[in-house]
Amino acid sequence: MKRSGSQMNHQLIVTVVDKGLIDRVFENARCEEAYCGTIVAGRGSGMHENKKLFNLALEPEKEILLVLAQEQHSKKIINQIEEAGNITAPGNGILFGLNIKRVHGIQ
C-alpha cells in the first residue's frame, strides 16, 4: 500500500514585512534546502500601525513569505531571512516557524 504524504518533519517559515521589502528577503531565503516559497499580500492590523490621514484610517500594506523546509534546515533559512530583513530591529517585521506534521505534493 502506498503512503500518502511525507512523514518527515517540516517547518513552515513565515515572514511578514512591509510591502516592497519582501524581494530581498525572498532572495536570501532561496536555497536548495527550501522546497518552495510563496508570497502573499496582506495588511497590518497592529495596535500602533494604523495612522490617519484626513480622518481616514490608513492600513499599512504587508507582504508575507511562506517557505516550506525540512526541519533540520529551517534554522539556516531563518537566520538568512533574519539577516536579510534585519528582522531583529523593532518595526522591521516578524519571523516565525510552524511545525508541520504532514506534507503532500512534494518528494
PDB file of N, CA and C in Angstrom:
ATOM      1  N   MET A   1       0.838  -1.187   0.000  1.00  0.00           N
ATOM      2  CA  MET A   1       0.000   0.000   0.000  1.00  0.00           C
ATOM      3  C   MET A   1       0.882   1.250   0.000  1.00  0.00           C
ATOM      4  N   LYS A   2       0.588   2.154  -0.877  1.00  0.00           N
ATOM      5  CA  LYS A   2       1.365   3.388  -0.992  1.00  0.00           C
ATOM      6  C   LYS A   2       0.915   4.399   0.053  1.00  0.00           C
ATOM      7  N   ARG A   3       1.876   5.012   0.728  1.00  0.00           N
ATOM      8  CA  ARG A   3       1.555   6.015   1.747  1.00  0.00           C
ATOM      9  C   ARG A   3       1.357   7.364   1.073  1.00  0.00           C
ATOM     10  N   SER A   4       0.428   8.125   1.578  1.00  0.00           N
ATOM     11  CA  SER A   4       0.235   9.478   1.047  1.00  0.00           C
ATOM     12  C   SER A   4       0.758  10.473   2.064  1.00  0.00           C
ATOM     13  N   GLY A   5       1.537  11.403   1.580  1.00  0.00           N
ATOM     14  CA  GLY A   5       2.065  12.430   2.470  1.00  0.00           C
ATOM     15  C   GLY A   5       3.412  12.052   3.040  1.00  0.00           C
ATOM     16  N   SER A   6       4.271  13.022   3.151  1.00  0.00           N
ATOM     17  CA  SER A   6       5.607  12.826   3.688  1.00  0.00           C
ATOM     18  C   SER A   6       5.547  12.803   5.210  1.00  0.00           C
ATOM     19  N   GLN A   7       6.264  11.852   5.810  1.00  0.00           N
ATOM     20  CA  GLN A   7       6.294  11.744   7.268  1.00  0.00           C
ATOM     21  C   GLN A   7       7.499  12.458   7.875  1.00  0.00           C
ATOM     22  N   MET A   8       8.332  13.095   7.049  1.00  0.00           N
ATOM     23  CA  MET A   8       9.480  13.846   7.559  1.00  0.00           C
ATOM     24  C   MET A   8       8.962  15.057   8.326  1.00  0.00           C
ATOM     25  N   ASN A   9       9.774  15.529   9.243  1.00  0.00           N
ATOM     26  CA  ASN A   9       9.404  16.744   9.965  1.00  0.00           C
ATOM     27  C   ASN A   9       9.730  17.957   9.105  1.00  0.00           C
ATOM     28  N   HIS A  10       8.773  18.849   8.971  1.00  0.00           N
ATOM     29  CA  HIS A  10       8.926  20.066   8.179  1.00  0.00           C
ATOM     30  C   HIS A  10       8.567  21.275   9.017  1.00  0.00           C
ATOM     31  N   GLN A  11       9.009  22.411   8.554  1.00  0.00           N
ATOM     32  CA  GLN A  11       8.599  23.680   9.151  1.00  0.00           C
ATOM     33  C   GLN A  11       8.121  24.593   8.049  1.00  0.00           C
ATOM     34  N   LEU A  12       7.070  25.332   8.366  1.00  0.00           N
ATOM     35  CA  LEU A  12       6.627  26.419   7.509  1.00  0.00           C
ATOM     36  C   LEU A  12       7.191  27.687   8.134  1.00  0.00           C
ATOM     37  N   ILE A  13       8.080  28.340   7.404  1.00  0.00           N
ATOM     38  CA  ILE A  13       8.716  29.563   7.893  1.00  0.00           C
ATOM     39  C   ILE A  13       7.917  30.738   7.351  1.00  0.00           C
ATOM     40  N   VAL A  14       7.400  31.553   8.249  1.00  0.00           N
ATOM     41  CA  VAL A  14       6.524  32.665   7.887  1.00  0.00           C
ATOM     42  C   VAL A  14       7.244  33.977   8.203  1.00  0.00           C
ATOM     43  N   THR A  15       7.318  34.845   7.205  1.00  0.00           N
ATOM     44  CA  THR A  15       7.935  36.155   7.376  1.00  0.00           C
ATOM     45  C   THR A  15       6.947  37.215   6.923  1.00  0.00           C
ATOM     46  N   VAL A  16       6.720  38.227   7.764  1.00  0.00           N
ATOM     47  CA  VAL A  16       5.822  39.335   7.436  1.00  0.00           C
ATOM     48  C   VAL A  16       6.632  40.627   7.500  1.00  0.00           C
ATOM     49  N   VAL A  17       6.678  41.348   6.365  1.00  0.00           N
ATOM     50  CA  VAL A  17       7.412  42.616   6.294  1.00  0.00           C
ATOM     51  C   VAL A  17       6.582  43.639   5.526  1.00  0.00           C
ATOM     52  N   ASP A  18       7.012  44.895   5.587  1.00  0.00           N
ATOM     53  CA  ASP A  18       6.336  45.944   4.826  1.00  0.00           C
ATOM     54  C   ASP A  18       6.452  45.669   3.330  1.00  0.00           C
ATOM     55  N   LYS A  19       5.437  46.084   2.595  1.00  0.00           N
ATOM     56  CA  LYS A  19       5.427  45.898   1.145  1.00  0.00           C
ATOM     57  C   LYS A  19       6.661  46.557   0.527  1.00  0.00           C
ATOM     58  N   GLY A  20       7.268  45.839  -0.409  1.00  0.00           N
ATOM     59  CA  GLY A  20       8.451  46.340  -1.083  1.00  0.00           C
ATOM     60  C   GLY A  20       9.744  45.773  -0.536  1.00  0.00           C
ATOM     61  N   LEU A  21       9.703  45.169   0.642  1.00  0.00           N
ATOM     62  CA  LEU A  21      10.920  44.621   1.249  1.00  0.00           C
ATOM     63  C   LEU A  21      11.061  43.116   1.053  1.00  0.00           C
ATOM     64  N   ILE A  22      10.017  42.488   0.550  1.00  0.00           N
ATOM     65  CA  ILE A  22       9.996  41.021   0.513  1.00  0.00           C
ATOM     66  C   ILE A  22      10.961  40.433  -0.509  1.00  0.00           C
ATOM     67  N   ASP A  23      11.252  41.158  -1.595  1.00  0.00           N
ATOM     68  CA  ASP A  23      12.140  40.603  -2.623  1.00  0.00           C
ATOM     69  C   ASP A  23      13.527  40.285  -2.073  1.00  0.00           C
ATOM     70  N   ARG A  24      14.062  41.196  -1.284  1.00  0.00           N
ATOM     71  CA  ARG A  24      15.384  40.973  -0.684  1.00  0.00           C
ATOM     72  C   ARG A  24      15.335  39.776   0.272  1.00  0.00           C
ATOM     73  N   VAL A  25      14.270  39.680   1.043  1.00  0.00           N
ATOM     74  CA  VAL A  25      14.108  38.571   1.986  1.00  0.00           C
ATOM     75  C   VAL A  25      13.974  37.256   1.219  1.00  0.00           C
ATOM     76  N   PHE A  26      13.163  37.271   0.160  1.00  0.00           N
ATOM     77  CA  PHE A  26      12.918  36.054  -0.620  1.00  0.00           C
ATOM     78  C   PHE A  26      14.194  35.549  -1.284  1.00  0.00           C
ATOM     79  N   GLU A  27      14.980  36.438  -1.832  1.00  0.00           N
ATOM     80  CA  GLU A  27      16.234  36.034  -2.475  1.00  0.00           C
ATOM     81  C   GLU A  27      17.174  35.347  -1.483  1.00  0.00           C
ATOM     82  N   ASN A  28      17.192  35.811  -0.252  1.00  0.00           N
ATOM     83  CA  ASN A  28      18.068  35.214   0.757  1.00  0.00           C
ATOM     84  C   ASN A  28      17.498  33.929   1.330  1.00  0.00           C
ATOM     85  N   ALA A  29      16.198  33.739   1.220  1.00  0.00           N
ATOM     86  CA  ALA A  29      15.571  32.519   1.732  1.00  0.00           C
ATOM     87  C   ALA A  29      15.700  31.373   0.735  1.00  0.00           C
ATOM     88  N   ARG A  30      15.932  31.712  -0.546  1.00  0.00           N
ATOM     89  CA  ARG A  30      16.026  30.684  -1.571  1.00  0.00           C
ATOM     90  C   ARG A  30      17.335  29.918  -1.419  1.00  0.00           C
ATOM     91  N   CYS A  31      17.211  28.627  -1.295  1.00  0.00           N
ATOM     92  CA  CYS A  31      18.374  27.759  -1.219  1.00  0.00           C
ATOM     93  C   CYS A  31      17.907  26.351  -1.538  1.00  0.00           C
ATOM     94  N   GLU A  32      18.852  25.458  -1.695  1.00  0.00           N
ATOM     95  CA  GLU A  32      18.464  24.101  -2.070  1.00  0.00           C
ATOM     96  C   GLU A  32      17.682  23.385  -0.969  1.00  0.00           C
ATOM     97  N   GLU A  33      17.793  23.845   0.267  1.00  0.00           N
ATOM     98  CA  GLU A  33      17.090  23.202   1.367  1.00  0.00           C
ATOM     99  C   GLU A  33      15.613  23.590   1.442  1.00  0.00           C
ATOM    100  N   ALA A  34      15.235  24.683   0.804  1.00  0.00           N
ATOM    101  CA  ALA A  34      13.844  25.145   0.835  1.00  0.00           C
ATOM    102  C   ALA A  34      13.090  24.520  -0.327  1.00  0.00           C
ATOM    103  N   TYR A  35      11.917  23.962  -0.050  1.00  0.00           N
ATOM    104  CA  TYR A  35      11.118  23.351  -1.107  1.00  0.00           C
ATOM    105  C   TYR A  35      10.499  24.404  -2.016  1.00  0.00           C
ATOM    106  N   CYS A  36       9.960  25.424  -1.418  1.00  0.00           N
ATOM    107  CA  CYS A  36       9.244  26.414  -2.213  1.00  0.00           C
ATOM    108  C   CYS A  36       9.080  27.690  -1.400  1.00  0.00           C
ATOM    109  N   GLY A  37       8.730  28.733  -2.090  1.00  0.00           N
ATOM    110  CA  GLY A  37       8.443  29.997  -1.432  1.00  0.00           C
ATOM    111  C   GLY A  37       7.230  30.624  -2.097  1.00  0.00           C
ATOM    112  N   THR A  38       6.338  31.145  -1.300  1.00  0.00           N
ATOM    113  CA  THR A  38       5.135  31.785  -1.806  1.00  0.00           C
ATOM    114  C   THR A  38       4.992  33.135  -1.136  1.00  0.00           C
ATOM    115  N   ILE A  39       4.716  34.157  -1.940  1.00  0.00           N
ATOM    116  CA  ILE A  39       4.499  35.498  -1.402  1.00  0.00           C
ATOM    117  C   ILE A  39       3.008  35.809  -1.451  1.00  0.00           C
ATOM    118  N   VAL A  40       2.484  36.288  -0.331  1.00  0.00           N
ATOM    119  CA  VAL A  40       1.069  36.615  -0.199  1.00  0.00           C
ATOM    120  C   VAL A  40       0.954  38.071   0.237  1.00  0.00           C
ATOM    121  N   ALA A  41       0.004  38.792  -0.329  1.00  0.00           N
ATOM    122  CA  ALA A  41      -0.238  40.180   0.076  1.00  0.00           C
ATOM    123  C   ALA A  41      -1.067  40.198   1.355  1.00  0.00           C
ATOM    124  N   GLY A  42      -0.831  41.197   2.175  1.00  0.00           N
ATOM    125  CA  GLY A  42      -1.583  41.334   3.420  1.00  0.00           C
ATOM    126  C   GLY A  42      -1.644  42.786   3.835  1.00  0.00           C
ATOM    127  N   ARG A  43      -2.260  43.037   4.967  1.00  0.00           N
ATOM    128  CA  ARG A  43      -2.269  44.393   5.513  1.00  0.00           C
ATOM    129  C   ARG A  43      -2.148  44.311   7.021  1.00  0.00           C
ATOM    130  N   GLY A  44      -1.504  45.302   7.580  1.00  0.00           N
ATOM    131  CA  GLY A  44      -1.227  45.322   9.010  1.00  0.00           C
ATOM    132  C   GLY A  44      -2.456  45.659   9.821  1.00  0.00           C
ATOM    133  N   SER A  45      -2.516  45.082  10.997  1.00  0.00           N
ATOM    134  CA  SER A  45      -3.609  45.398  11.909  1.00  0.00           C
ATOM    135  C   SER A  45      -3.103  45.579  13.328  1.00  0.00           C
ATOM    136  N   GLY A  46      -1.797  45.848  13.462  1.00  0.00           N
ATOM    137  CA  GLY A  46      -1.210  46.058  14.787  1.00  0.00           C
ATOM    138  C   GLY A  46      -1.760  47.307  15.444  1.00  0.00           C
ATOM    139  N   MET A  47      -1.686  47.343  16.759  1.00  0.00           N
ATOM    140  CA  MET A  47      -2.222  48.477  17.518  1.00  0.00           C
ATOM    141  C   MET A  47      -1.594  49.798  17.110  1.00  0.00           C
ATOM    142  N   HIS A  48      -0.307  49.798  16.854  1.00  0.00           N
ATOM    143  CA  HIS A  48       0.412  51.046  16.604  1.00  0.00           C
ATOM    144  C   HIS A  48       0.589  51.345  15.126  1.00  0.00           C
ATOM    145  N   GLU A  49       0.066  50.494  14.262  1.00  0.00           N
ATOM    146  CA  GLU A  49       0.341  50.654  12.844  1.00  0.00           C
ATOM    147  C   GLU A  49      -0.655  51.541  12.118  1.00  0.00           C
ATOM    148  N   ASN A  50      -1.879  51.582  12.562  1.00  0.00           N
ATOM    149  CA  ASN A  50      -2.883  52.351  11.832  1.00  0.00           C
ATOM    150  C   ASN A  50      -2.707  53.841  12.082  1.00  0.00           C
ATOM    151  N   LYS A  51      -2.576  54.583  11.005  1.00  0.00           N
ATOM    152  CA  LYS A  51      -2.448  56.035  11.074  1.00  0.00           C
ATOM    153  C   LYS A  51      -3.639  56.643  10.364  1.00  0.00           C
ATOM    154  N   LYS A  52      -3.855  57.904  10.584  1.00  0.00           N
ATOM    155  CA  LYS A  52      -4.984  58.570   9.945  1.00  0.00           C
ATOM    156  C   LYS A  52      -4.495  59.707   9.066  1.00  0.00           C
ATOM    157  N   LEU A  53      -5.177  59.867   7.942  1.00  0.00           N
ATOM    158  CA  LEU A  53      -4.932  60.958   7.027  1.00  0.00           C
ATOM    159  C   LEU A  53      -6.300  61.525   6.669  1.00  0.00           C
ATOM    160  N   PHE A  54      -6.522  62.787   6.970  1.00  0.00           N
ATOM    161  CA  PHE A  54      -7.831  63.418   6.768  1.00  0.00           C
ATOM    162  C   PHE A  54      -8.942  62.609   7.426  1.00  0.00           C
ATOM    163  N   ASN A  55      -8.653  62.109   8.616  1.00  0.00           N
ATOM    164  CA  ASN A  55      -9.600  61.346   9.431  1.00  0.00           C
ATOM    165  C   ASN A  55      -9.964  59.991   8.824  1.00  0.00           C
ATOM    166  N   LEU A  56      -9.187  59.504   7.848  1.00  0.00           N
ATOM    167  CA  LEU A  56      -9.382  58.177   7.280  1.00  0.00           C
ATOM    168  C   LEU A  56      -8.258  57.270   7.771  1.00  0.00           C
ATOM    169  N   ALA A  57      -8.628  56.085   8.216  1.00  0.00           N
ATOM    170  CA  ALA A  57      -7.624  55.139   8.708  1.00  0.00           C
ATOM    171  C   ALA A  57      -6.817  54.571   7.541  1.00  0.00           C
ATOM    172  N   LEU A  58      -5.510  54.606   7.667  1.00  0.00           N
ATOM    173  CA  LEU A  58      -4.618  54.015   6.679  1.00  0.00           C
ATOM    174  C   LEU A  58      -4.060  52.717   7.242  1.00  0.00           C
ATOM    175  N   GLU A  59      -4.238  51.650   6.505  1.00  0.00           N
ATOM    176  CA  GLU A  59      -3.715  50.364   6.942  1.00  0.00           C
ATOM    177  C   GLU A  59      -2.472  50.042   6.125  1.00  0.00           C
ATOM    178  N   PRO A  60      -1.348  49.823   6.782  1.00  0.00           N
ATOM    179  CA  PRO A  60      -0.109  49.556   6.041  1.00  0.00           C
ATOM    180  C   PRO A  60      -0.181  48.232   5.278  1.00  0.00           C
ATOM    181  N   GLU A  61       0.334  48.244   4.054  1.00  0.00           N
ATOM    182  CA  GLU A  61       0.365  47.025   3.254  1.00  0.00           C
ATOM    183  C   GLU A  61       1.571  46.190   3.662  1.00  0.00           C
ATOM    184  N   LYS A  62       1.352  44.901   3.740  1.00  0.00           N
ATOM    185  CA  LYS A  62       2.395  43.948   4.136  1.00  0.00           C
ATOM    186  C   LYS A  62       2.545  42.894   3.056  1.00  0.00           C
ATOM    187  N   GLU A  63       3.658  42.210   3.091  1.00  0.00           N
ATOM    188  CA  GLU A  63       3.869  41.039   2.255  1.00  0.00           C
ATOM    189  C   GLU A  63       4.308  39.902   3.169  1.00  0.00           C
ATOM    190  N   ILE A  64       3.811  38.725   2.863  1.00  0.00           N
ATOM    191  CA  ILE A  64       4.050  37.550   3.692  1.00  0.00           C
ATOM    192  C   ILE A  64       4.754  36.502   2.838  1.00  0.00           C
ATOM    193  N   LEU A  65       5.882  36.030   3.310  1.00  0.00           N
ATOM    194  CA  LEU A  65       6.625  34.980   2.624  1.00  0.00           C
ATOM    195  C   LEU A  65       6.427  33.675   3.382  1.00  0.00           C
ATOM    196  N   LEU A  66       5.989  32.639   2.660  1.00  0.00           N
ATOM    197  CA  LEU A  66       5.818  31.306   3.227  1.00  0.00           C
ATOM    198  C   LEU A  66       6.858  30.394   2.586  1.00  0.00           C
ATOM    199  N   VAL A  67       7.705  29.777   3.401  1.00  0.00           N
ATOM    200  CA  VAL A  67       8.749  28.882   2.905  1.00  0.00           C
ATOM    201  C   VAL A  67       8.610  27.550   3.632  1.00  0.00           C
ATOM    202  N   LEU A  68       8.537  26.473   2.862  1.00  0.00           N
ATOM    203  CA  LEU A  68       8.455  25.137   3.420  1.00  0.00           C
ATOM    204  C   LEU A  68       9.830  24.492   3.342  1.00  0.00           C
ATOM    205  N   ALA A  69      10.293  23.946   4.464  1.00  0.00           N
ATOM    206  CA  ALA A  69      11.625  23.320   4.501  1.00  0.00           C
ATOM    207  C   ALA A  69      11.620  22.166   5.486  1.00  0.00           C
ATOM    208  N   GLN A  70      12.565  21.256   5.291  1.00  0.00           N
ATOM    209  CA  GLN A  70      12.741  20.210   6.285  1.00  0.00           C
ATOM    210  C   GLN A  70      13.220  20.858   7.572  1.00  0.00           C
ATOM    211  N   GLU A  71      12.788  20.287   8.682  1.00  0.00           N
ATOM    212  CA  GLU A  71      13.070  20.894   9.984  1.00  0.00           C
ATOM    213  C   GLU A  71      14.566  21.103  10.230  1.00  0.00           C
ATOM    214  N   GLN A  72      15.403  20.161   9.807  1.00  0.00           N
ATOM    215  CA  GLN A  72      16.840  20.290  10.077  1.00  0.00           C
ATOM    216  C   GLN A  72      17.482  21.442   9.311  1.00  0.00           C
ATOM    217  N   HIS A  73      16.814  21.969   8.280  1.00  0.00           N
ATOM    218  CA  HIS A  73      17.354  23.091   7.516  1.00  0.00           C
ATOM    219  C   HIS A  73      16.714  24.431   7.891  1.00  0.00           C
ATOM    220  N   SER A  74      15.692  24.391   8.722  1.00  0.00           N
ATOM    221  CA  SER A  74      14.922  25.610   8.998  1.00  0.00           C
ATOM    222  C   SER A  74      15.733  26.676   9.734  1.00  0.00           C
ATOM    223  N   LYS A  75      16.609  26.284  10.630  1.00  0.00           N
ATOM    224  CA  LYS A  75      17.394  27.281  11.368  1.00  0.00           C
ATOM    225  C   LYS A  75      18.280  28.085  10.420  1.00  0.00           C
ATOM    226  N   LYS A  76      18.910  27.408   9.452  1.00  0.00           N
ATOM    227  CA  LYS A  76      19.757  28.097   8.479  1.00  0.00           C
ATOM    228  C   LYS A  76      18.938  29.101   7.667  1.00  0.00           C
ATOM    229  N   ILE A  77      17.777  28.688   7.208  1.00  0.00           N
ATOM    230  CA  ILE A  77      16.920  29.558   6.403  1.00  0.00           C
ATOM    231  C   ILE A  77      16.414  30.732   7.235  1.00  0.00           C
ATOM    232  N   ILE A  78      16.000  30.466   8.467  1.00  0.00           N
ATOM    233  CA  ILE A  78      15.532  31.538   9.357  1.00  0.00           C
ATOM    234  C   ILE A  78      16.648  32.554   9.593  1.00  0.00           C
ATOM    235  N   ASN A  79      17.862  32.086   9.803  1.00  0.00           N
ATOM    236  CA  ASN A  79      18.989  33.006  10.008  1.00  0.00           C
ATOM    237  C   ASN A  79      19.243  33.862   8.771  1.00  0.00           C
ATOM    238  N   GLN A  80      19.138  33.264   7.585  1.00  0.00           N
ATOM    239  CA  GLN A  80      19.337  34.017   6.348  1.00  0.00           C
ATOM    240  C   GLN A  80      18.263  35.091   6.181  1.00  0.00           C
ATOM    241  N   ILE A  81      17.025  34.731   6.472  1.00  0.00           N
ATOM    242  CA  ILE A  81      15.918  35.694   6.365  1.00  0.00           C
ATOM    243  C   ILE A  81      16.085  36.811   7.385  1.00  0.00           C
ATOM    244  N   GLU A  82      16.414  36.425   8.607  1.00  0.00           N
ATOM    245  CA  GLU A  82      16.583  37.401   9.687  1.00  0.00           C
ATOM    246  C   GLU A  82      17.648  38.435   9.338  1.00  0.00           C
ATOM    247  N   GLU A  83      18.740  37.967   8.780  1.00  0.00           N
ATOM    248  CA  GLU A  83      19.828  38.872   8.408  1.00  0.00           C
ATOM    249  C   GLU A  83      19.432  39.762   7.226  1.00  0.00           C
ATOM    250  N   ALA A  84      18.794  39.189   6.222  1.00  0.00           N
ATOM    251  CA  ALA A  84      18.419  39.951   5.021  1.00  0.00           C
ATOM    252  C   ALA A  84      17.394  41.036   5.326  1.00  0.00           C
ATOM    253  N   GLY A  85      16.448  40.727   6.202  1.00  0.00           N
ATOM    254  CA  GLY A  85      15.388  41.688   6.515  1.00  0.00           C
ATOM    255  C   GLY A  85      15.616  42.484   7.772  1.00  0.00           C
ATOM    256  N   ASN A  86      16.761  42.265   8.434  1.00  0.00           N
ATOM    257  CA  ASN A  86      17.053  42.942   9.704  1.00  0.00           C
ATOM    258  C   ASN A  86      15.841  42.837  10.640  1.00  0.00           C
ATOM    259  N   ILE A  87      15.305  41.632  10.745  1.00  0.00           N
ATOM    260  CA  ILE A  87      14.066  41.380  11.487  1.00  0.00           C
ATOM    261  C   ILE A  87      14.204  41.693  12.976  1.00  0.00           C
ATOM    262  N   THR A  88      15.406  41.585  13.533  1.00  0.00           N
ATOM    263  CA  THR A  88      15.564  41.815  14.969  1.00  0.00           C
ATOM    264  C   THR A  88      15.381  43.282  15.354  1.00  0.00           C
ATOM    265  N   ALA A  89      15.490  44.190  14.378  1.00  0.00           N
ATOM    266  CA  ALA A  89      15.269  45.612  14.667  1.00  0.00           C
ATOM    267  C   ALA A  89      13.765  45.868  14.815  1.00  0.00           C
ATOM    268  N   PRO A  90      13.368  46.678  15.791  1.00  0.00           N
ATOM    269  CA  PRO A  90      11.941  46.944  16.018  1.00  0.00           C
ATOM    270  C   PRO A  90      11.261  47.517  14.774  1.00  0.00           C
ATOM    271  N   GLY A  91      10.077  46.993  14.476  1.00  0.00           N
ATOM    272  CA  GLY A  91       9.272  47.503  13.380  1.00  0.00           C
ATOM    273  C   GLY A  91       9.641  46.985  12.007  1.00  0.00           C
ATOM    274  N   ASN A  92      10.606  46.064  11.924  1.00  0.00           N
ATOM    275  CA  ASN A  92      11.036  45.570  10.614  1.00  0.00           C
ATOM    276  C   ASN A  92      10.306  44.318  10.156  1.00  0.00           C
ATOM    277  N   GLY A  93       9.486  43.765  10.985  1.00  0.00           N
ATOM    278  CA  GLY A  93       8.730  42.588  10.575  1.00  0.00           C
ATOM    279  C   GLY A  93       8.690  41.535  11.663  1.00  0.00           C
ATOM    280  N   ILE A  94       8.149  40.397  11.278  1.00  0.00           N
ATOM    281  CA  ILE A  94       8.040  39.271  12.204  1.00  0.00           C
ATOM    282  C   ILE A  94       8.397  38.010  11.434  1.00  0.00           C
ATOM    283  N   LEU A  95       9.034  37.078  12.119  1.00  0.00           N
ATOM    284  CA  LEU A  95       9.515  35.846  11.510  1.00  0.00           C
ATOM    285  C   LEU A  95       9.293  34.723  12.508  1.00  0.00           C
ATOM    286  N   PHE A  96       8.651  33.648  12.053  1.00  0.00           N
ATOM    287  CA  PHE A  96       8.435  32.506  12.943  1.00  0.00           C
ATOM    288  C   PHE A  96       8.304  31.231  12.124  1.00  0.00           C
ATOM    289  N   GLY A  97       8.499  30.099  12.783  1.00  0.00           N
ATOM    290  CA  GLY A  97       8.371  28.792  12.149  1.00  0.00           C
ATOM    291  C   GLY A  97       7.261  27.995  12.795  1.00  0.00           C
ATOM    292  N   LEU A  98       6.528  27.279  11.971  1.00  0.00           N
ATOM    293  CA  LEU A  98       5.454  26.406  12.446  1.00  0.00           C
ATOM    294  C   LEU A  98       5.800  24.967  12.093  1.00  0.00           C
ATOM    295  N   ASN A  99       5.692  24.072  13.069  1.00  0.00           N
ATOM    296  CA  ASN A  99       5.937  22.664  12.802  1.00  0.00           C
ATOM    297  C   ASN A  99       4.786  22.103  11.969  1.00  0.00           C
ATOM    298  N   ILE A 100       5.137  21.383  10.921  1.00  0.00           N
ATOM    299  CA  ILE A 100       4.156  20.787  10.025  1.00  0.00           C
ATOM    300  C   ILE A 100       4.233  19.270  10.193  1.00  0.00           C
ATOM    301  N   LYS A 101       3.096  18.671  10.466  1.00  0.00           N
ATOM    302  CA  LYS A 101       3.063  17.256  10.748  1.00  0.00           C
ATOM    303  C   LYS A 101       3.084  16.397   9.466  1.00  0.00           C
ATOM    304  N   ARG A 102       2.378  16.813   8.453  1.00  0.00           N
ATOM    305  CA  ARG A 102       2.285  16.033   7.227  1.00  0.00           C
ATOM    306  C   ARG A 102       2.270  16.962   6.021  1.00  0.00           C
ATOM    307  N   VAL A 103       2.975  16.550   4.964  1.00  0.00           N
ATOM    308  CA  VAL A 103       3.055  17.350   3.742  1.00  0.00           C
ATOM    309  C   VAL A 103       2.693  16.449   2.564  1.00  0.00           C
ATOM    310  N   HIS A 104       1.884  16.940   1.672  1.00  0.00           N
ATOM    311  CA  HIS A 104       1.524  16.235   0.452  1.00  0.00           C
ATOM    312  C   HIS A 104       1.998  17.021  -0.745  1.00  0.00           C
ATOM    313  N   GLY A 105       2.391  16.361  -1.809  1.00  0.00           N
ATOM    314  CA  GLY A 105       2.715  17.041  -3.052  1.00  0.00           C
ATOM    315  C   GLY A 105       4.178  17.329  -3.279  1.00  0.00           C
ATOM    316  N   ILE A 106       5.062  16.967  -2.355  1.00  0.00           N
ATOM    317  CA  ILE A 106       6.499  17.157  -2.546  1.00  0.00           C
ATOM    318  C   ILE A 106       7.206  15.841  -2.279  1.00  0.00           C
ATOM    319  N   GLN A 107       8.410  15.732  -2.796  1.00  0.00           N
ATOM    320  CA  GLN A 107       9.179  14.491  -2.568  1.00  0.00           C
ATOM    321  C   GLN A 107      10.480  14.799  -1.908  1.00  0.00           C
TER     322      GLN A 107
END
